[in-house]
């Protein structure tokens, strides 16, 4: 089930219908990540792991994958960005993306 904590860090898990309705978007986003409407970048996290972000900014939907040294990627999560603070954090990561 696709769910979220409400309030955050409370342990109360509730269904996240907005997240569920966007799951079918993931494959087309990945297939078309070079389109100008989609921001796609690699970012080195604080622990040294490299994550690939694919963000359909206009619709506030982001996919996060772990990038391995051999070039493979594995899905970590995909979610609807519903807070302005999260948008700012994504833009900050985008500005510090790997070349």
C-alpha atoms as a PDB file:
ATOM      1  CA  UNK A   1       0.000   0.000   0.000  1.00  0.00           C
ATOM      2  CA  UNK A   2       1.163   3.506  -0.729  1.00  0.00           C
ATOM      3  CA  UNK A   3       0.984   5.454   2.485  1.00  0.00           C
ATOM      4  CA  UNK A   4       2.442   8.343   4.434  1.00  0.00           C
ATOM      5  CA  UNK A   5       2.868   9.332   8.052  1.00  0.00           C
ATOM      6  CA  UNK A   6       0.438  11.932   9.310  1.00  0.00           C
ATOM      7  CA  UNK A   7       1.648  13.959  11.059  1.00  0.00           C
ATOM      8  CA  UNK A   8       5.262  13.329   9.958  1.00  0.00           C
ATOM      9  CA  UNK A   9       7.307  11.145  12.341  1.00  0.00           C
ATOM     10  CA  UNK A  10       4.184  10.217  14.312  1.00  0.00           C
ATOM     11  CA  UNK A  11       4.025   6.561  13.313  1.00  0.00           C
ATOM     12  CA  UNK A  12       0.422   7.006  12.114  1.00  0.00           C
ATOM     13  CA  UNK A  13       0.305   5.544   8.600  1.00  0.00           C
ATOM     14  CA  UNK A  14      -2.489   6.676   6.290  1.00  0.00           C
ATOM     15  CA  UNK A  15      -3.193   5.844   2.631  1.00  0.00           C
ATOM     16  CA  UNK A  16      -1.726   8.436   0.270  1.00  0.00           C
ATOM     17  CA  UNK A  17      -4.128   8.538  -2.658  1.00  0.00           C
ATOM     18  CA  UNK A  18      -2.314  11.356  -4.478  1.00  0.00           C
ATOM     19  CA  UNK A  19       0.841   9.265  -4.447  1.00  0.00           C
ATOM     20  CA  UNK A  20      -1.037   6.190  -5.654  1.00  0.00           C
ATOM     21  CA  UNK A  21      -2.722   7.939  -8.570  1.00  0.00           C
ATOM     22  CA  UNK A  22       0.677   9.071  -9.885  1.00  0.00           C
ATOM     23  CA  UNK A  23       2.394   5.672  -9.871  1.00  0.00           C
ATOM     24  CA  UNK A  24       1.638   5.120 -13.591  1.00  0.00           C
ATOM     25  CA  UNK A  25       3.650   8.278 -14.352  1.00  0.00           C
ATOM     26  CA  UNK A  26       6.967   6.703 -13.333  1.00  0.00           C
ATOM     27  CA  UNK A  27       7.702   4.680 -16.474  1.00  0.00           C
ATOM     28  CA  UNK A  28       6.860   7.452 -18.979  1.00  0.00           C
ATOM     29  CA  UNK A  29       8.952   9.904 -16.944  1.00  0.00           C
ATOM     30  CA  UNK A  30      11.955   7.591 -17.002  1.00  0.00           C
ATOM     31  CA  UNK A  31      11.488   6.872 -20.705  1.00  0.00           C
ATOM     32  CA  UNK A  32      11.351  10.612 -21.469  1.00  0.00           C
ATOM     33  CA  UNK A  33      13.719  12.054 -18.865  1.00  0.00           C
ATOM     34  CA  UNK A  34      15.589  14.095 -21.509  1.00  0.00           C
ATOM     35  CA  UNK A  35      12.507  16.200 -22.289  1.00  0.00           C
ATOM     36  CA  UNK A  36      12.732  19.844 -21.146  1.00  0.00           C
ATOM     37  CA  UNK A  37       9.704  19.435 -18.837  1.00  0.00           C
ATOM     38  CA  UNK A  38      11.617  16.898 -16.743  1.00  0.00           C
ATOM     39  CA  UNK A  39      14.610  17.681 -14.557  1.00  0.00           C
ATOM     40  CA  UNK A  40      16.901  14.665 -14.181  1.00  0.00           C
ATOM     41  CA  UNK A  41      20.189  14.762 -12.285  1.00  0.00           C
ATOM     42  CA  UNK A  42      22.613  12.835 -10.095  1.00  0.00           C
ATOM     43  CA  UNK A  43      23.390  14.106  -6.604  1.00  0.00           C
ATOM     44  CA  UNK A  44      25.904  12.866  -4.052  1.00  0.00           C
ATOM     45  CA  UNK A  45      24.172  12.496  -0.703  1.00  0.00           C
ATOM     46  CA  UNK A  46      25.922  13.118   2.618  1.00  0.00           C
ATOM     47  CA  UNK A  47      26.685   9.416   3.074  1.00  0.00           C
ATOM     48  CA  UNK A  48      28.475   9.273  -0.298  1.00  0.00           C
ATOM     49  CA  UNK A  49      25.678   7.440  -2.128  1.00  0.00           C
ATOM     50  CA  UNK A  50      24.737   8.897  -5.498  1.00  0.00           C
ATOM     51  CA  UNK A  51      21.015   9.280  -6.087  1.00  0.00           C
ATOM     52  CA  UNK A  52      19.367  10.026  -9.405  1.00  0.00           C
ATOM     53  CA  UNK A  53      16.421  12.413  -9.205  1.00  0.00           C
ATOM     54  CA  UNK A  54      13.810  12.628 -11.961  1.00  0.00           C
ATOM     55  CA  UNK A  55      11.423  15.511 -11.288  1.00  0.00           C
ATOM     56  CA  UNK A  56       8.361  16.479 -13.276  1.00  0.00           C
ATOM     57  CA  UNK A  57       8.427  19.891 -11.654  1.00  0.00           C
ATOM     58  CA  UNK A  58       5.213  21.324 -13.112  1.00  0.00           C
ATOM     59  CA  UNK A  59       3.231  18.407 -11.617  1.00  0.00           C
ATOM     60  CA  UNK A  60       5.333  18.102  -8.435  1.00  0.00           C
ATOM     61  CA  UNK A  61       6.209  14.445  -8.910  1.00  0.00           C
ATOM     62  CA  UNK A  62       9.689  13.084  -8.247  1.00  0.00           C
ATOM     63  CA  UNK A  63      11.356   9.687  -8.621  1.00  0.00           C
ATOM     64  CA  UNK A  64      14.488   8.885  -6.612  1.00  0.00           C
ATOM     65  CA  UNK A  65      16.851   6.060  -7.545  1.00  0.00           C
ATOM     66  CA  UNK A  66      20.168   4.858  -6.163  1.00  0.00           C
ATOM     67  CA  UNK A  67      22.938   4.884  -8.771  1.00  0.00           C
ATOM     68  CA  UNK A  68      25.540   2.136  -8.490  1.00  0.00           C
ATOM     69  CA  UNK A  69      29.156   2.397  -9.635  1.00  0.00           C
ATOM     70  CA  UNK A  70      28.498   0.140 -12.625  1.00  0.00           C
ATOM     71  CA  UNK A  71      25.791   2.542 -13.875  1.00  0.00           C
ATOM     72  CA  UNK A  72      22.767   0.512 -12.770  1.00  0.00           C
ATOM     73  CA  UNK A  73      20.007   2.252 -10.855  1.00  0.00           C
ATOM     74  CA  UNK A  74      17.436   0.970  -8.391  1.00  0.00           C
ATOM     75  CA  UNK A  75      14.209   2.679  -7.379  1.00  0.00           C
ATOM     76  CA  UNK A  76      14.198   4.078  -3.864  1.00  0.00           C
ATOM     77  CA  UNK A  77      10.922   6.001  -3.906  1.00  0.00           C
ATOM     78  CA  UNK A  78       8.544   8.118  -5.972  1.00  0.00           C
ATOM     79  CA  UNK A  79       6.294  10.724  -4.448  1.00  0.00           C
ATOM     80  CA  UNK A  80       4.183  13.821  -4.901  1.00  0.00           C
ATOM     81  CA  UNK A  81       5.919  16.972  -3.618  1.00  0.00           C
ATOM     82  CA  UNK A  82       3.315  18.632  -1.447  1.00  0.00           C
ATOM     83  CA  UNK A  83       5.377  21.066   0.652  1.00  0.00           C
ATOM     84  CA  UNK A  84       7.195  24.196  -0.483  1.00  0.00           C
ATOM     85  CA  UNK A  85      10.144  23.280   1.747  1.00  0.00           C
ATOM     86  CA  UNK A  86      10.569  20.030  -0.198  1.00  0.00           C
ATOM     87  CA  UNK A  87      10.488  21.937  -3.501  1.00  0.00           C
ATOM     88  CA  UNK A  88      13.219  24.244  -2.199  1.00  0.00           C
ATOM     89  CA  UNK A  89      15.288  21.242  -1.076  1.00  0.00           C
ATOM     90  CA  UNK A  90      14.964  19.636  -4.518  1.00  0.00           C
ATOM     91  CA  UNK A  91      15.975  22.881  -6.241  1.00  0.00           C
ATOM     92  CA  UNK A  92      18.992  23.130  -3.943  1.00  0.00           C
ATOM     93  CA  UNK A  93      20.032  19.570  -4.828  1.00  0.00           C
ATOM     94  CA  UNK A  94      19.496  20.361  -8.503  1.00  0.00           C
ATOM     95  CA  UNK A  95      21.783  23.396  -8.224  1.00  0.00           C
ATOM     96  CA  UNK A  96      24.487  21.166  -6.655  1.00  0.00           C
ATOM     97  CA  UNK A  97      24.035  18.257  -9.072  1.00  0.00           C
ATOM     98  CA  UNK A  98      26.974  16.202 -10.290  1.00  0.00           C
ATOM     99  CA  UNK A  99      28.396  17.091 -13.709  1.00  0.00           C
END
